[in-house]
Amino acid sequence: MAIEENNLDELTDSETPIVKKKSVLNNKVILFGIPLFVVQLVVVYFITANIILSKMYSSTDSTEEIAAVDSTTILTDSVIKPGVELGRYIYSVEDIIVNPSQTDGKRLLLTTVGFDLGSEEQKTELSSKEVLVKDIIISALSGKTLPQLNDNLYKDTLKIEIKKKVMQYIPGVKLNSIYFSKYIIQ
């Protein structure tokens, strides 16, 4: 035991220089690193929110057609034109049930669409082509995903798409506006 105590004394007596480490956080990290990190977080957020998510929710055909419509057309569609009496001649397509895209038939959209027309003749023409009008509505709605159909702003885009297709297939009809009187996602 005496030998072991001696060795301990020798070890404690021999002085080894103790190297002090610098602190991990220095002033440069606090002054430059943290603000730079916050700026990077903000940039990543805006890139994700504006570019990537908008591409995820866009459809291939219909959204490209809607995006091709210039802003003046959208503005003139939403502005009430003088001399047009809205709500006088409305043709309604009741209770259309659609399976949205990418839901495997597990979700449903129940909607009623009203078309505001300029005259009684246009209303009778639209009602005589009811099957075509229902097909246009069903094809427009069934091609959309649930996030698109749940988005309130996208409903206006959907109205424009339906209006464009109806006026394309039935050129004698001039639509003032389109209304969703029932819009239920189950």
C-alpha atoms as a PDB file:
ATOM      1  CA  MET A   1       0.000   0.000   0.000  1.00  0.00           C
ATOM      2  CA  ALA A   2       2.852   2.324   0.673  1.00  0.00           C
ATOM      3  CA  ILE A   3       3.941   2.033  -2.889  1.00  0.00           C
ATOM      4  CA  GLU A   4       0.516   3.018  -4.137  1.00  0.00           C
ATOM      5  CA  GLU A   5       0.385   6.072  -1.897  1.00  0.00           C
ATOM      6  CA  ASN A   6       3.800   7.082  -3.159  1.00  0.00           C
ATOM      7  CA  ASN A   7       2.662   6.871  -6.731  1.00  0.00           C
ATOM      8  CA  LEU A   8      -0.318   9.018  -5.897  1.00  0.00           C
ATOM      9  CA  ASP A   9       1.873  11.609  -4.269  1.00  0.00           C
ATOM     10  CA  GLU A  10       4.108  11.672  -7.285  1.00  0.00           C
ATOM     11  CA  LEU A  11       1.198  12.153  -9.581  1.00  0.00           C
ATOM     12  CA  THR A  12      -0.248  15.014  -7.598  1.00  0.00           C
ATOM     13  CA  ASP A  13       3.104  16.634  -7.129  1.00  0.00           C
ATOM     14  CA  SER A  14       3.884  16.694 -10.806  1.00  0.00           C
ATOM     15  CA  GLU A  15       2.119  19.638 -12.210  1.00  0.00           C
ATOM     16  CA  THR A  16       0.623  19.308 -15.630  1.00  0.00           C
ATOM     17  CA  PRO A  17      -0.535  22.408 -17.360  1.00  0.00           C
ATOM     18  CA  ILE A  18      -4.329  22.614 -17.453  1.00  0.00           C
ATOM     19  CA  VAL A  19      -5.626  23.863 -20.765  1.00  0.00           C
ATOM     20  CA  LYS A  20      -8.763  25.924 -20.462  1.00  0.00           C
ATOM     21  CA  LYS A  21     -11.182  25.495 -23.350  1.00  0.00           C
ATOM     22  CA  LYS A  22     -12.843  28.530 -24.873  1.00  0.00           C
ATOM     23  CA  SER A  23     -16.574  28.690 -24.435  1.00  0.00           C
ATOM     24  CA  VAL A  24     -18.569  27.212 -27.268  1.00  0.00           C
ATOM     25  CA  LEU A  25     -20.748  30.285 -27.623  1.00  0.00           C
ATOM     26  CA  ASN A  26     -18.764  33.350 -28.340  1.00  0.00           C
ATOM     27  CA  ASN A  27     -19.878  36.807 -29.355  1.00  0.00           C
ATOM     28  CA  LYS A  28     -19.648  36.149 -33.101  1.00  0.00           C
ATOM     29  CA  VAL A  29     -22.100  33.281 -32.937  1.00  0.00           C
ATOM     30  CA  ILE A  30     -24.590  35.375 -30.996  1.00  0.00           C
ATOM     31  CA  LEU A  31     -24.219  38.425 -33.227  1.00  0.00           C
ATOM     32  CA  PHE A  32     -24.214  36.724 -36.628  1.00  0.00           C
ATOM     33  CA  GLY A  33     -25.246  33.084 -36.326  1.00  0.00           C
ATOM     34  CA  ILE A  34     -28.636  33.399 -34.674  1.00  0.00           C
ATOM     35  CA  PRO A  35     -29.974  36.197 -36.947  1.00  0.00           C
ATOM     36  CA  LEU A  36     -28.691  34.305 -40.009  1.00  0.00           C
ATOM     37  CA  PHE A  37     -30.495  31.174 -38.830  1.00  0.00           C
ATOM     38  CA  VAL A  38     -33.763  33.096 -38.363  1.00  0.00           C
ATOM     39  CA  VAL A  39     -33.486  34.604 -41.870  1.00  0.00           C
ATOM     40  CA  GLN A  40     -32.942  31.121 -43.321  1.00  0.00           C
ATOM     41  CA  LEU A  41     -36.037  29.827 -41.529  1.00  0.00           C
ATOM     42  CA  VAL A  42     -38.161  32.636 -42.955  1.00  0.00           C
ATOM     43  CA  VAL A  43     -36.877  32.023 -46.496  1.00  0.00           C
ATOM     44  CA  VAL A  44     -37.564  28.280 -46.261  1.00  0.00           C
ATOM     45  CA  TYR A  45     -41.086  28.965 -44.961  1.00  0.00           C
ATOM     46  CA  PHE A  46     -41.966  31.267 -47.861  1.00  0.00           C
ATOM     47  CA  ILE A  47     -40.507  28.910 -50.445  1.00  0.00           C
ATOM     48  CA  THR A  48     -42.475  26.015 -49.005  1.00  0.00           C
ATOM     49  CA  ALA A  49     -45.731  27.916 -48.591  1.00  0.00           C
ATOM     50  CA  ASN A  50     -45.781  29.759 -51.899  1.00  0.00           C
ATOM     51  CA  ILE A  51     -44.044  27.537 -54.408  1.00  0.00           C
ATOM     52  CA  ILE A  52     -44.122  23.922 -53.324  1.00  0.00           C
ATOM     53  CA  LEU A  53     -47.629  23.821 -51.812  1.00  0.00           C
ATOM     54  CA  SER A  54     -49.174  25.698 -54.734  1.00  0.00           C
ATOM     55  CA  LYS A  55     -47.650  23.144 -57.134  1.00  0.00           C
ATOM     56  CA  MET A  56     -48.965  20.276 -55.012  1.00  0.00           C
ATOM     57  CA  TYR A  57     -52.536  21.527 -55.162  1.00  0.00           C
ATOM     58  CA  SER A  58     -52.549  22.402 -58.835  1.00  0.00           C
ATOM     59  CA  SER A  59     -54.208  20.051 -61.273  1.00  0.00           C
ATOM     60  CA  THR A  60     -52.710  19.363 -64.682  1.00  0.00           C
ATOM     61  CA  ASP A  61     -55.267  20.464 -67.270  1.00  0.00           C
ATOM     62  CA  SER A  62     -57.930  22.590 -65.654  1.00  0.00           C
ATOM     63  CA  THR A  63     -55.651  24.710 -63.497  1.00  0.00           C
ATOM     64  CA  GLU A  64     -53.386  25.489 -66.438  1.00  0.00           C
ATOM     65  CA  GLU A  65     -56.426  26.648 -68.392  1.00  0.00           C
ATOM     66  CA  ILE A  66     -57.562  28.819 -65.502  1.00  0.00           C
ATOM     67  CA  ALA A  67     -54.061  30.225 -65.038  1.00  0.00           C
ATOM     68  CA  ALA A  68     -54.021  31.133 -68.720  1.00  0.00           C
ATOM     69  CA  VAL A  69     -57.014  33.417 -68.184  1.00  0.00           C
ATOM     70  CA  ASP A  70     -55.639  36.896 -67.667  1.00  0.00           C
ATOM     71  CA  SER A  71     -56.559  39.001 -64.650  1.00  0.00           C
ATOM     72  CA  THR A  72     -58.741  41.372 -66.667  1.00  0.00           C
ATOM     73  CA  THR A  73     -61.049  38.522 -67.630  1.00  0.00           C
ATOM     74  CA  ILE A  74     -61.412  37.460 -64.021  1.00  0.00           C
ATOM     75  CA  LEU A  75     -62.092  41.029 -62.951  1.00  0.00           C
ATOM     76  CA  THR A  76     -64.703  41.584 -65.645  1.00  0.00           C
ATOM     77  CA  ASP A  77     -66.411  38.318 -64.717  1.00  0.00           C
ATOM     78  CA  SER A  78     -66.756  39.372 -61.090  1.00  0.00           C
ATOM     79  CA  VAL A  79     -67.883  42.955 -61.779  1.00  0.00           C
ATOM     80  CA  ILE A  80     -71.598  43.496 -62.255  1.00  0.00           C
ATOM     81  CA  LYS A  81     -72.244  44.756 -65.752  1.00  0.00           C
ATOM     82  CA  PRO A  82     -74.672  47.660 -66.150  1.00  0.00           C
ATOM     83  CA  GLY A  83     -78.122  46.769 -67.418  1.00  0.00           C
ATOM     84  CA  VAL A  84     -77.857  43.137 -66.295  1.00  0.00           C
ATOM     85  CA  GLU A  85     -80.486  42.035 -63.821  1.00  0.00           C
ATOM     86  CA  LEU A  86     -78.962  39.312 -61.686  1.00  0.00           C
ATOM     87  CA  GLY A  87     -81.090  36.545 -60.229  1.00  0.00           C
ATOM     88  CA  ARG A  88     -84.067  36.888 -62.558  1.00  0.00           C
ATOM     89  CA  TYR A  89     -83.505  33.768 -64.701  1.00  0.00           C
ATOM     90  CA  ILE A  90     -81.762  31.065 -62.691  1.00  0.00           C
ATOM     91  CA  TYR A  91     -81.460  27.493 -63.879  1.00  0.00           C
ATOM     92  CA  SER A  92     -80.580  25.110 -61.057  1.00  0.00           C
ATOM     93  CA  VAL A  93     -78.971  21.682 -61.259  1.00  0.00           C
ATOM     94  CA  GLU A  94     -79.955  19.927 -58.034  1.00  0.00           C
ATOM     95  CA  ASP A  95     -78.016  17.467 -55.878  1.00  0.00           C
ATOM     96  CA  ILE A  96     -74.972  16.462 -57.857  1.00  0.00           C
ATOM     97  CA  ILE A  97     -72.950  13.839 -55.971  1.00  0.00           C
ATOM     98  CA  VAL A  98     -69.294  13.437 -56.931  1.00  0.00           C
ATOM     99  CA  ASN A  99     -66.337  11.408 -55.648  1.00  0.00           C
ATOM    100  CA  PRO A 100     -63.377  13.821 -55.495  1.00  0.00           C
ATOM    101  CA  SER A 101     -60.072  12.792 -57.010  1.00  0.00           C
ATOM    102  CA  GLN A 102     -57.657  10.656 -54.939  1.00  0.00           C
ATOM    103  CA  THR A 103     -60.271   9.633 -52.344  1.00  0.00           C
ATOM    104  CA  ASP A 104     -60.818   6.038 -53.537  1.00  0.00           C
ATOM    105  CA  GLY A 105     -64.567   6.580 -53.354  1.00  0.00           C
ATOM    106  CA  LYS A 106     -64.504   7.124 -49.586  1.00  0.00           C
ATOM    107  CA  ARG A 107     -65.450  10.816 -49.674  1.00  0.00           C
ATOM    108  CA  LEU A 108     -68.332  12.604 -51.383  1.00  0.00           C
ATOM    109  CA  LEU A 109     -69.213  16.098 -52.515  1.00  0.00           C
ATOM    110  CA  LEU A 110     -72.893  17.006 -52.679  1.00  0.00           C
ATOM    111  CA  THR A 111     -73.595  20.247 -54.491  1.00  0.00           C
ATOM    112  CA  THR A 112     -76.340  22.225 -56.166  1.00  0.00           C
ATOM    113  CA  VAL A 113     -75.260  24.632 -58.904  1.00  0.00           C
ATOM    114  CA  GLY A 114     -77.323  27.583 -60.086  1.00  0.00           C
ATOM    115  CA  PHE A 115     -76.723  29.333 -63.408  1.00  0.00           C
ATOM    116  CA  ASP A 116     -77.758  33.000 -63.672  1.00  0.00           C
ATOM    117  CA  LEU A 117     -78.888  33.586 -67.265  1.00  0.00           C
ATOM    118  CA  GLY A 118     -79.854  36.627 -69.291  1.00  0.00           C
ATOM    119  CA  SER A 119     -83.235  35.480 -70.648  1.00  0.00           C
ATOM    120  CA  GLU A 120     -85.955  32.859 -70.442  1.00  0.00           C
ATOM    121  CA  GLU A 121     -84.908  31.447 -73.831  1.00  0.00           C
ATOM    122  CA  GLN A 122     -81.410  30.764 -72.552  1.00  0.00           C
ATOM    123  CA  LYS A 123     -82.894  29.076 -69.495  1.00  0.00           C
ATOM    124  CA  THR A 124     -84.995  26.734 -71.647  1.00  0.00           C
ATOM    125  CA  GLU A 125     -81.988  26.001 -73.877  1.00  0.00           C
ATOM    126  CA  LEU A 126     -79.885  25.107 -70.854  1.00  0.00           C
ATOM    127  CA  SER A 127     -82.651  22.934 -69.399  1.00  0.00           C
ATOM    128  CA  SER A 128     -83.011  21.083 -72.736  1.00  0.00           C
ATOM    129  CA  LYS A 129     -79.298  20.207 -72.533  1.00  0.00           C
ATOM    130  CA  GLU A 130     -79.388  19.199 -68.859  1.00  0.00           C
ATOM    131  CA  VAL A 131     -77.372  15.999 -69.411  1.00  0.00           C
ATOM    132  CA  LEU A 132     -74.533  17.948 -71.006  1.00  0.00           C
ATOM    133  CA  VAL A 133     -74.567  20.531 -68.207  1.00  0.00           C
ATOM    134  CA  LYS A 134     -74.470  17.811 -65.518  1.00  0.00           C
ATOM    135  CA  ASP A 135     -71.579  16.106 -67.293  1.00  0.00           C
ATOM    136  CA  ILE A 136     -69.631  19.372 -67.404  1.00  0.00           C
ATOM    137  CA  ILE A 137     -70.193  19.939 -63.689  1.00  0.00           C
ATOM    138  CA  ILE A 138     -69.351  16.354 -62.716  1.00  0.00           C
ATOM    139  CA  SER A 139     -66.161  16.278 -64.785  1.00  0.00           C
ATOM    140  CA  ALA A 140     -65.022  19.619 -63.349  1.00  0.00           C
ATOM    141  CA  LEU A 141     -65.690  18.597 -59.739  1.00  0.00           C
ATOM    142  CA  SER A 142     -64.488  14.989 -59.878  1.00  0.00           C
ATOM    143  CA  GLY A 143     -61.085  16.043 -61.181  1.00  0.00           C
ATOM    144  CA  LYS A 144     -60.356  18.064 -58.035  1.00  0.00           C
ATOM    145  CA  THR A 145     -58.764  16.839 -54.823  1.00  0.00           C
ATOM    146  CA  LEU A 146     -60.185  17.380 -51.344  1.00  0.00           C
ATOM    147  CA  PRO A 147     -57.744  20.184 -50.426  1.00  0.00           C
ATOM    148  CA  GLN A 148     -58.803  22.034 -53.577  1.00  0.00           C
ATOM    149  CA  LEU A 149     -62.504  21.532 -52.912  1.00  0.00           C
ATOM    150  CA  ASN A 150     -62.118  22.615 -49.266  1.00  0.00           C
ATOM    151  CA  ASP A 151     -60.369  25.853 -50.230  1.00  0.00           C
ATOM    152  CA  ASN A 152     -62.865  28.743 -50.313  1.00  0.00           C
ATOM    153  CA  LEU A 153     -60.770  30.751 -52.764  1.00  0.00           C
ATOM    154  CA  TYR A 154     -60.650  27.801 -55.133  1.00  0.00           C
ATOM    155  CA  LYS A 155     -64.450  27.776 -55.379  1.00  0.00           C
ATOM    156  CA  ASP A 156     -64.278  30.974 -57.436  1.00  0.00           C
ATOM    157  CA  THR A 157     -61.785  29.325 -59.772  1.00  0.00           C
ATOM    158  CA  LEU A 158     -64.128  26.364 -60.027  1.00  0.00           C
ATOM    159  CA  LYS A 159     -67.016  28.658 -60.962  1.00  0.00           C
ATOM    160  CA  ILE A 160     -64.936  30.251 -63.708  1.00  0.00           C
ATOM    161  CA  GLU A 161     -63.919  26.830 -65.040  1.00  0.00           C
ATOM    162  CA  ILE A 162     -67.532  25.585 -65.144  1.00  0.00           C
ATOM    163  CA  LYS A 163     -68.720  28.845 -66.756  1.00  0.00           C
ATOM    164  CA  LYS A 164     -66.038  28.617 -69.433  1.00  0.00           C
ATOM    165  CA  LYS A 165     -66.866  25.001 -70.284  1.00  0.00           C
ATOM    166  CA  VAL A 166     -70.636  25.589 -70.409  1.00  0.00           C
ATOM    167  CA  MET A 167     -70.200  28.586 -72.700  1.00  0.00           C
ATOM    168  CA  GLN A 168     -67.803  26.550 -74.863  1.00  0.00           C
ATOM    169  CA  TYR A 169     -70.158  23.585 -75.315  1.00  0.00           C
ATOM    170  CA  ILE A 170     -73.375  25.618 -75.472  1.00  0.00           C
ATOM    171  CA  PRO A 171     -72.427  28.833 -77.332  1.00  0.00           C
ATOM    172  CA  GLY A 172     -75.978  30.234 -77.410  1.00  0.00           C
ATOM    173  CA  VAL A 173     -76.011  30.653 -73.618  1.00  0.00           C
ATOM    174  CA  LYS A 174     -74.612  33.752 -71.928  1.00  0.00           C
ATOM    175  CA  LEU A 175     -73.995  33.145 -68.217  1.00  0.00           C
ATOM    176  CA  ASN A 176     -74.023  36.115 -65.867  1.00  0.00           C
ATOM    177  CA  SER A 177     -72.845  34.162 -62.853  1.00  0.00           C
ATOM    178  CA  ILE A 178     -72.729  30.742 -61.219  1.00  0.00           C
ATOM    179  CA  TYR A 179     -73.820  30.006 -57.657  1.00  0.00           C
ATOM    180  CA  PHE A 180     -73.288  27.072 -55.323  1.00  0.00           C
ATOM    181  CA  SER A 181     -76.454  26.880 -53.234  1.00  0.00           C
ATOM    182  CA  LYS A 182     -75.399  23.589 -51.636  1.00  0.00           C
ATOM    183  CA  TYR A 183     -71.773  22.520 -51.135  1.00  0.00           C
ATOM    184  CA  ILE A 184     -71.309  19.656 -48.674  1.00  0.00           C
ATOM    185  CA  ILE A 185     -68.200  17.484 -48.375  1.00  0.00           C
ATOM    186  CA  GLN A 186     -68.752  14.222 -46.512  1.00  0.00           C
END
